[in-house]
Amino acid sequence: GNIIFIGDEGLRTLVDFRYKRHYKGDRGDHGQAK
């Protein structure tokens, strides 16, 4: 999975990023038989 930023005119500060600093995307599932 990608990490994507989306602009939101309803937000006015970066305060949320002060409390959580690490963001990781989901891993893809492994391939299977057949």
ModelCIF file with pLDDT and N, C-alpha, C, O atoms, coordinates in Angstrom:
data_MODEL
#
_entry.id   MODEL 
#
_entity.id                         1 
_entity.type                       polymer 
_entity.pdbx_number_of_molecules   1 
#
_entity_poly.entity_id                      1 
_entity_poly.type                           'polypeptide(L)' 
_entity_poly.nstd_linkage                   no 
_entity_poly.nstd_monomer                   no 
_entity_poly.pdbx_seq_one_letter_code       GNIIFIGDEGLRTLVDFRYKRHYKGDRGDHGQAK 
_entity_poly.pdbx_seq_one_letter_code_can   GNIIFIGDEGLRTLVDFRYKRHYKGDRGDHGQAK 
_entity_poly.pdbx_strand_id                 A 
#
loop_
_entity_poly_seq.entity_id 
_entity_poly_seq.num 
_entity_poly_seq.mon_id 
_entity_poly_seq.hetero 
1 1  GLY n 
1 2  ASN n 
1 3  ILE n 
1 4  ILE n 
1 5  PHE n 
1 6  ILE n 
1 7  GLY n 
1 8  ASP n 
1 9  GLU n 
1 10 GLY n 
1 11 LEU n 
1 12 ARG n 
1 13 THR n 
1 14 LEU n 
1 15 VAL n 
1 16 ASP n 
1 17 PHE n 
1 18 ARG n 
1 19 TYR n 
1 20 LYS n 
1 21 ARG n 
1 22 HIS n 
1 23 TYR n 
1 24 LYS n 
1 25 GLY n 
1 26 ASP n 
1 27 ARG n 
1 28 GLY n 
1 29 ASP n 
1 30 HIS n 
1 31 GLY n 
1 32 GLN n 
1 33 ALA n 
1 34 LYS n 
#
_struct_asym.id          A 
_struct_asym.entity_id   1 
#
loop_
_ma_qa_metric.id 
_ma_qa_metric.mode 
_ma_qa_metric.name 
_ma_qa_metric.software_group_id 
_ma_qa_metric.type 
1 global pLDDT . pLDDT 
2 local  pLDDT . pLDDT 
#
_ma_qa_metric_global.metric_id      1 
_ma_qa_metric_global.metric_value   89.56 
_ma_qa_metric_global.model_id       1 
_ma_qa_metric_global.ordinal_id     1 
#
loop_
_ma_qa_metric_local.label_asym_id 
_ma_qa_metric_local.label_comp_id 
_ma_qa_metric_local.label_seq_id 
_ma_qa_metric_local.metric_id 
_ma_qa_metric_local.metric_value 
_ma_qa_metric_local.model_id 
_ma_qa_metric_local.ordinal_id 
A GLY 1  2 96.00 1 1  
A ASN 2  2 97.00 1 2  
A ILE 3  2 97.00 1 3  
A ILE 4  2 97.00 1 4  
A PHE 5  2 96.00 1 5  
A ILE 6  2 96.00 1 6  
A GLY 7  2 92.00 1 7  
A ASP 8  2 89.00 1 8  
A GLU 9  2 80.00 1 9  
A GLY 10 2 78.00 1 10 
A LEU 11 2 80.00 1 11 
A ARG 12 2 71.00 1 12 
A THR 13 2 75.00 1 13 
A LEU 14 2 83.00 1 14 
A VAL 15 2 77.00 1 15 
A ASP 16 2 82.00 1 16 
A PHE 17 2 88.00 1 17 
A ARG 18 2 79.00 1 18 
A TYR 19 2 83.00 1 19 
A LYS 20 2 90.00 1 20 
A ARG 21 2 92.00 1 21 
A HIS 22 2 95.00 1 22 
A TYR 23 2 96.00 1 23 
A LYS 24 2 95.00 1 24 
A GLY 25 2 94.00 1 25 
A ASP 26 2 95.00 1 26 
A ARG 27 2 96.00 1 27 
A GLY 28 2 96.00 1 28 
A ASP 29 2 96.00 1 29 
A HIS 30 2 95.00 1 30 
A GLY 31 2 94.00 1 31 
A GLN 32 2 94.00 1 32 
A ALA 33 2 91.00 1 33 
A LYS 34 2 90.00 1 34 
#
loop_
_atom_site.group_PDB 
_atom_site.id 
_atom_site.type_symbol 
_atom_site.label_atom_id 
_atom_site.label_alt_id 
_atom_site.label_comp_id 
_atom_site.label_asym_id 
_atom_site.label_entity_id 
_atom_site.label_seq_id 
_atom_site.pdbx_PDB_ins_code 
_atom_site.Cartn_x 
_atom_site.Cartn_y 
_atom_site.Cartn_z 
_atom_site.occupancy 
_atom_site.B_iso_or_equiv 
_atom_site.pdbx_formal_charge 
_atom_site.auth_seq_id 
_atom_site.auth_comp_id 
_atom_site.auth_asym_id 
_atom_site.auth_atom_id 
_atom_site.pdbx_PDB_model_num 
ATOM 1   N N  . GLY A 1 1  ? 0.812   -1.213  0.000   1.00 96.00 ? 1  GLY A N  1 
ATOM 2   C CA . GLY A 1 1  ? 0.000   0.000   0.000   1.00 96.00 ? 1  GLY A CA 1 
ATOM 3   C C  . GLY A 1 1  ? 0.846   1.264   0.000   1.00 96.00 ? 1  GLY A C  1 
ATOM 4   O O  . GLY A 1 1  ? 1.910   1.311   0.617   1.00 96.00 ? 1  GLY A O  1 
ATOM 5   N N  . ASN A 1 2  ? 0.365   2.281   -0.694  1.00 97.00 ? 2  ASN A N  1 
ATOM 6   C CA . ASN A 1 2  ? 1.037   3.588   -0.728  1.00 97.00 ? 2  ASN A CA 1 
ATOM 7   C C  . ASN A 1 2  ? 0.658   4.429   0.491   1.00 97.00 ? 2  ASN A C  1 
ATOM 8   O O  . ASN A 1 2  ? -0.393  4.224   1.099   1.00 97.00 ? 2  ASN A O  1 
ATOM 9   N N  . ILE A 1 3  ? 1.532   5.379   0.839   1.00 97.00 ? 3  ILE A N  1 
ATOM 10  C CA . ILE A 1 3  ? 1.181   6.438   1.785   1.00 97.00 ? 3  ILE A CA 1 
ATOM 11  C C  . ILE A 1 3  ? 0.806   7.656   0.943   1.00 97.00 ? 3  ILE A C  1 
ATOM 12  O O  . ILE A 1 3  ? 1.625   8.163   0.178   1.00 97.00 ? 3  ILE A O  1 
ATOM 13  N N  . ILE A 1 4  ? -0.436  8.122   1.088   1.00 97.00 ? 4  ILE A N  1 
ATOM 14  C CA . ILE A 1 4  ? -0.959  9.195   0.246   1.00 97.00 ? 4  ILE A CA 1 
ATOM 15  C C  . ILE A 1 4  ? -1.398  10.371  1.107   1.00 97.00 ? 4  ILE A C  1 
ATOM 16  O O  . ILE A 1 4  ? -2.093  10.197  2.108   1.00 97.00 ? 4  ILE A O  1 
ATOM 17  N N  . PHE A 1 5  ? -0.986  11.573  0.706   1.00 96.00 ? 5  PHE A N  1 
ATOM 18  C CA . PHE A 1 5  ? -1.475  12.802  1.334   1.00 96.00 ? 5  PHE A CA 1 
ATOM 19  C C  . PHE A 1 5  ? -2.607  13.370  0.478   1.00 96.00 ? 5  PHE A C  1 
ATOM 20  O O  . PHE A 1 5  ? -2.524  13.380  -0.751  1.00 96.00 ? 5  PHE A O  1 
ATOM 21  N N  . ILE A 1 6  ? -3.658  13.840  1.138   1.00 96.00 ? 6  ILE A N  1 
ATOM 22  C CA . ILE A 1 6  ? -4.761  14.517  0.447   1.00 96.00 ? 6  ILE A CA 1 
ATOM 23  C C  . ILE A 1 6  ? -4.984  15.872  1.113   1.00 96.00 ? 6  ILE A C  1 
ATOM 24  O O  . ILE A 1 6  ? -5.131  15.953  2.332   1.00 96.00 ? 6  ILE A O  1 
ATOM 25  N N  . GLY A 1 7  ? -5.009  16.932  0.309   1.00 92.00 ? 7  GLY A N  1 
ATOM 26  C CA . GLY A 1 7  ? -5.248  18.268  0.840   1.00 92.00 ? 7  GLY A CA 1 
ATOM 27  C C  . GLY A 1 7  ? -6.678  18.408  1.345   1.00 92.00 ? 7  GLY A C  1 
ATOM 28  O O  . GLY A 1 7  ? -7.622  17.997  0.669   1.00 92.00 ? 7  GLY A O  1 
ATOM 29  N N  . ASP A 1 8  ? -6.838  18.983  2.528   1.00 89.00 ? 8  ASP A N  1 
ATOM 30  C CA . ASP A 1 8  ? -8.159  19.171  3.139   1.00 89.00 ? 8  ASP A CA 1 
ATOM 31  C C  . ASP A 1 8  ? -8.255  20.605  3.642   1.00 89.00 ? 8  ASP A C  1 
ATOM 32  O O  . ASP A 1 8  ? -7.583  20.982  4.602   1.00 89.00 ? 8  ASP A O  1 
ATOM 33  N N  . GLU A 1 9  ? -9.097  21.403  2.983   1.00 80.00 ? 9  GLU A N  1 
ATOM 34  C CA . GLU A 1 9  ? -9.213  22.808  3.364   1.00 80.00 ? 9  GLU A CA 1 
ATOM 35  C C  . GLU A 1 9  ? -9.902  22.989  4.714   1.00 80.00 ? 9  GLU A C  1 
ATOM 36  O O  . GLU A 1 9  ? -9.903  24.091  5.261   1.00 80.00 ? 9  GLU A O  1 
ATOM 37  N N  . GLY A 1 10 ? -10.490 21.919  5.260   1.00 78.00 ? 10 GLY A N  1 
ATOM 38  C CA . GLY A 1 10 ? -11.133 22.007  6.574   1.00 78.00 ? 10 GLY A CA 1 
ATOM 39  C C  . GLY A 1 10 ? -10.148 21.909  7.720   1.00 78.00 ? 10 GLY A C  1 
ATOM 40  O O  . GLY A 1 10 ? -10.505 22.207  8.860   1.00 78.00 ? 10 GLY A O  1 
ATOM 41  N N  . LEU A 1 11 ? -8.902  21.495  7.447   1.00 80.00 ? 11 LEU A N  1 
ATOM 42  C CA . LEU A 1 11 ? -7.875  21.392  8.489   1.00 80.00 ? 11 LEU A CA 1 
ATOM 43  C C  . LEU A 1 11 ? -7.043  22.657  8.495   1.00 80.00 ? 11 LEU A C  1 
ATOM 44  O O  . LEU A 1 11 ? -6.742  23.220  7.443   1.00 80.00 ? 11 LEU A O  1 
ATOM 45  N N  . ARG A 1 12 ? -6.672  23.100  9.685   1.00 71.00 ? 12 ARG A N  1 
ATOM 46  C CA . ARG A 1 12 ? -5.942  24.372  9.798   1.00 71.00 ? 12 ARG A CA 1 
ATOM 47  C C  . ARG A 1 12 ? -4.583  24.236  10.462  1.00 71.00 ? 12 ARG A C  1 
ATOM 48  O O  . ARG A 1 12 ? -3.792  25.179  10.432  1.00 71.00 ? 12 ARG A O  1 
ATOM 49  N N  . THR A 1 13 ? -4.288  23.077  11.067  1.00 75.00 ? 13 THR A N  1 
ATOM 50  C CA . THR A 1 13 ? -3.020  22.913  11.776  1.00 75.00 ? 13 THR A CA 1 
ATOM 51  C C  . THR A 1 13 ? -2.457  21.517  11.528  1.00 75.00 ? 13 THR A C  1 
ATOM 52  O O  . THR A 1 13 ? -3.135  20.638  10.996  1.00 75.00 ? 13 THR A O  1 
ATOM 53  N N  . LEU A 1 14 ? -1.189  21.336  11.931  1.00 83.00 ? 14 LEU A N  1 
ATOM 54  C CA . LEU A 1 14 ? -0.519  20.033  11.843  1.00 83.00 ? 14 LEU A CA 1 
ATOM 55  C C  . LEU A 1 14 ? -0.452  19.361  13.217  1.00 83.00 ? 14 LEU A C  1 
ATOM 56  O O  . LEU A 1 14 ? 0.384   18.490  13.457  1.00 83.00 ? 14 LEU A O  1 
ATOM 57  N N  . VAL A 1 15 ? -1.341  19.779  14.105  1.00 77.00 ? 15 VAL A N  1 
ATOM 58  C CA . VAL A 1 15 ? -1.234  19.305  15.487  1.00 77.00 ? 15 VAL A CA 1 
ATOM 59  C C  . VAL A 1 15 ? -1.344  17.787  15.593  1.00 77.00 ? 15 VAL A C  1 
ATOM 60  O O  . VAL A 1 15 ? -0.716  17.200  16.474  1.00 77.00 ? 15 VAL A O  1 
ATOM 61  N N  . ASP A 1 16 ? -2.121  17.126  14.727  1.00 82.00 ? 16 ASP A N  1 
ATOM 62  C CA . ASP A 1 16 ? -2.273  15.668  14.808  1.00 82.00 ? 16 ASP A CA 1 
ATOM 63  C C  . ASP A 1 16 ? -0.954  14.944  14.601  1.00 82.00 ? 16 ASP A C  1 
ATOM 64  O O  . ASP A 1 16 ? -0.744  13.867  15.160  1.00 82.00 ? 16 ASP A O  1 
ATOM 65  N N  . PHE A 1 17 ? -0.057  15.525  13.797  1.00 88.00 ? 17 PHE A N  1 
ATOM 66  C CA . PHE A 1 17 ? 1.219   14.877  13.508  1.00 88.00 ? 17 PHE A CA 1 
ATOM 67  C C  . PHE A 1 17 ? 2.223   15.050  14.648  1.00 88.00 ? 17 PHE A C  1 
ATOM 68  O O  . PHE A 1 17 ? 3.322   14.498  14.597  1.00 88.00 ? 17 PHE A O  1 
ATOM 69  N N  . ARG A 1 18 ? 1.848   15.809  15.669  1.00 79.00 ? 18 ARG A N  1 
ATOM 70  C CA . ARG A 1 18 ? 2.723   15.929  16.842  1.00 79.00 ? 18 ARG A CA 1 
ATOM 71  C C  . ARG A 1 18 ? 2.576   14.705  17.737  1.00 79.00 ? 18 ARG A C  1 
ATOM 72  O O  . ARG A 1 18 ? 3.498   14.358  18.475  1.00 79.00 ? 18 ARG A O  1 
ATOM 73  N N  . TYR A 1 19 ? 1.420   14.052  17.672  1.00 83.00 ? 19 TYR A N  1 
ATOM 74  C CA . TYR A 1 19 ? 1.149   12.934  18.571  1.00 83.00 ? 19 TYR A CA 1 
ATOM 75  C C  . TYR A 1 19 ? 1.474   11.584  17.932  1.00 83.00 ? 19 TYR A C  1 
ATOM 76  O O  . TYR A 1 19 ? 1.807   10.629  18.634  1.00 83.00 ? 19 TYR A O  1 
ATOM 77  N N  . LYS A 1 20 ? 1.380   11.502  16.613  1.00 90.00 ? 20 LYS A N  1 
ATOM 78  C CA . LYS A 1 20 ? 1.744   10.267  15.916  1.00 90.00 ? 20 LYS A CA 1 
ATOM 79  C C  . LYS A 1 20 ? 2.700   10.629  14.800  1.00 90.00 ? 20 LYS A C  1 
ATOM 80  O O  . LYS A 1 20 ? 2.387   11.460  13.949  1.00 90.00 ? 20 LYS A O  1 
ATOM 81  N N  . ARG A 1 21 ? 3.873   10.001  14.805  1.00 92.00 ? 21 ARG A N  1 
ATOM 82  C CA . ARG A 1 21 ? 4.928   10.395  13.863  1.00 92.00 ? 21 ARG A CA 1 
ATOM 83  C C  . ARG A 1 21 ? 5.274   9.305   12.849  1.00 92.00 ? 21 ARG A C  1 
ATOM 84  O O  . ARG A 1 21 ? 5.926   9.595   11.846  1.00 92.00 ? 21 ARG A O  1 
ATOM 85  N N  . HIS A 1 22 ? 4.856   8.068   13.082  1.00 95.00 ? 22 HIS A N  1 
ATOM 86  C CA . HIS A 1 22 ? 5.226   6.958   12.198  1.00 95.00 ? 22 HIS A CA 1 
ATOM 87  C C  . HIS A 1 22 ? 3.991   6.427   11.471  1.00 95.00 ? 22 HIS A C  1 
ATOM 88  O O  . HIS A 1 22 ? 2.959   6.158   12.087  1.00 95.00 ? 22 HIS A O  1 
ATOM 89  N N  . TYR A 1 23 ? 4.115   6.282   10.159  1.00 96.00 ? 23 TYR A N  1 
ATOM 90  C CA . TYR A 1 23 ? 3.006   5.798   9.337   1.00 96.00 ? 23 TYR A CA 1 
ATOM 91  C C  . TYR A 1 23 ? 3.542   4.756   8.346   1.00 96.00 ? 23 TYR A C  1 
ATOM 92  O O  . TYR A 1 23 ? 4.492   5.015   7.606   1.00 96.00 ? 23 TYR A O  1 
ATOM 93  N N  . LYS A 1 24 ? 2.910   3.568   8.348   1.00 95.00 ? 24 LYS A N  1 
ATOM 94  C CA . LYS A 1 24 ? 3.357   2.485   7.469   1.00 95.00 ? 24 LYS A CA 1 
ATOM 95  C C  . LYS A 1 24 ? 2.182   1.947   6.666   1.00 95.00 ? 24 LYS A C  1 
ATOM 96  O O  . LYS A 1 24 ? 1.081   1.776   7.189   1.00 95.00 ? 24 LYS A O  1 
ATOM 97  N N  . GLY A 1 25 ? 2.433   1.684   5.387   1.00 94.00 ? 25 GLY A N  1 
ATOM 98  C CA . GLY A 1 25 ? 1.414   1.109   4.529   1.00 94.00 ? 25 GLY A CA 1 
ATOM 99  C C  . GLY A 1 25 ? 1.286   -0.389  4.737   1.00 94.00 ? 25 GLY A C  1 
ATOM 100 O O  . GLY A 1 25 ? 2.196   -1.025  5.267   1.00 94.00 ? 25 GLY A O  1 
ATOM 101 N N  . ASP A 1 26 ? 0.153   -0.958  4.319   1.00 95.00 ? 26 ASP A N  1 
ATOM 102 C CA . ASP A 1 26 ? -0.075  -2.400  4.438   1.00 95.00 ? 26 ASP A CA 1 
ATOM 103 C C  . ASP A 1 26 ? 0.836   -3.169  3.496   1.00 95.00 ? 26 ASP A C  1 
ATOM 104 O O  . ASP A 1 26 ? 1.133   -2.722  2.389   1.00 95.00 ? 26 ASP A O  1 
ATOM 105 N N  . ARG A 1 27 ? 1.274   -4.336  3.958   1.00 96.00 ? 27 ARG A N  1 
ATOM 106 C CA . ARG A 1 27 ? 2.052   -5.222  3.100   1.00 96.00 ? 27 ARG A CA 1 
ATOM 107 C C  . ARG A 1 27 ? 1.101   -5.959  2.159   1.00 96.00 ? 27 ARG A C  1 
ATOM 108 O O  . ARG A 1 27 ? -0.030  -6.272  2.531   1.00 96.00 ? 27 ARG A O  1 
ATOM 109 N N  . GLY A 1 28 ? 1.568   -6.236  0.927   1.00 96.00 ? 28 GLY A N  1 
ATOM 110 C CA . GLY A 1 28 ? 0.797   -7.054  0.008   1.00 96.00 ? 28 GLY A CA 1 
ATOM 111 C C  . GLY A 1 28 ? 0.807   -8.506  0.459   1.00 96.00 ? 28 GLY A C  1 
ATOM 112 O O  . GLY A 1 28 ? 1.772   -8.962  1.073   1.00 96.00 ? 28 GLY A O  1 
ATOM 113 N N  . ASP A 1 29 ? -0.255  -9.227  0.158   1.00 96.00 ? 29 ASP A N  1 
ATOM 114 C CA . ASP A 1 29 ? -0.297  -10.654 0.515   1.00 96.00 ? 29 ASP A CA 1 
ATOM 115 C C  . ASP A 1 29 ? 0.630   -11.451 -0.396  1.00 96.00 ? 29 ASP A C  1 
ATOM 116 O O  . ASP A 1 29 ? 0.921   -11.039 -1.519  1.00 96.00 ? 29 ASP A O  1 
ATOM 117 N N  . HIS A 1 30 ? 1.092   -12.603 0.103   1.00 95.00 ? 30 HIS A N  1 
ATOM 118 C CA . HIS A 1 30 ? 1.975   -13.464 -0.681  1.00 95.00 ? 30 HIS A CA 1 
ATOM 119 C C  . HIS A 1 30 ? 1.170   -14.165 -1.785  1.00 95.00 ? 30 HIS A C  1 
ATOM 120 O O  . HIS A 1 30 ? -0.033  -14.397 -1.661  1.00 95.00 ? 30 HIS A O  1 
ATOM 121 N N  . GLY A 1 31 ? 1.881   -14.488 -2.859  1.00 94.00 ? 31 GLY A N  1 
ATOM 122 C CA . GLY A 1 31 ? 1.261   -15.259 -3.924  1.00 94.00 ? 31 GLY A CA 1 
ATOM 123 C C  . GLY A 1 31 ? 0.935   -16.674 -3.453  1.00 94.00 ? 31 GLY A C  1 
ATOM 124 O O  . GLY A 1 31 ? 1.466   -17.137 -2.443  1.00 94.00 ? 31 GLY A O  1 
ATOM 125 N N  . GLN A 1 32 ? 0.066   -17.352 -4.184  1.00 94.00 ? 32 GLN A N  1 
ATOM 126 C CA . GLN A 1 32 ? -0.341  -18.702 -3.808  1.00 94.00 ? 32 GLN A CA 1 
ATOM 127 C C  . GLN A 1 32 ? -0.268  -19.632 -5.013  1.00 94.00 ? 32 GLN A C  1 
ATOM 128 O O  . GLN A 1 32 ? 0.003   -19.209 -6.137  1.00 94.00 ? 32 GLN A O  1 
ATOM 129 N N  . ALA A 1 33 ? -0.516  -20.900 -4.746  1.00 91.00 ? 33 ALA A N  1 
ATOM 130 C CA . ALA A 1 33 ? -0.536  -21.898 -5.821  1.00 91.00 ? 33 ALA A CA 1 
ATOM 131 C C  . ALA A 1 33 ? -1.705  -21.616 -6.763  1.00 91.00 ? 33 ALA A C  1 
ATOM 132 O O  . ALA A 1 33 ? -2.546  -20.753 -6.509  1.00 91.00 ? 33 ALA A O  1 
ATOM 133 N N  . LYS A 1 34 ? -1.725  -22.373 -7.856  1.00 90.00 ? 34 LYS A N  1 
ATOM 134 C CA . LYS A 1 34 ? -2.774  -22.241 -8.887  1.00 90.00 ? 34 LYS A CA 1 
ATOM 135 C C  . LYS A 1 34 ? -2.781  -20.837 -9.496  1.00 90.00 ? 34 LYS A C  1 
ATOM 136 O O  . LYS A 1 34 ? -3.593  -20.549 -10.374 1.00 90.00 ? 34 LYS A O  1 
#
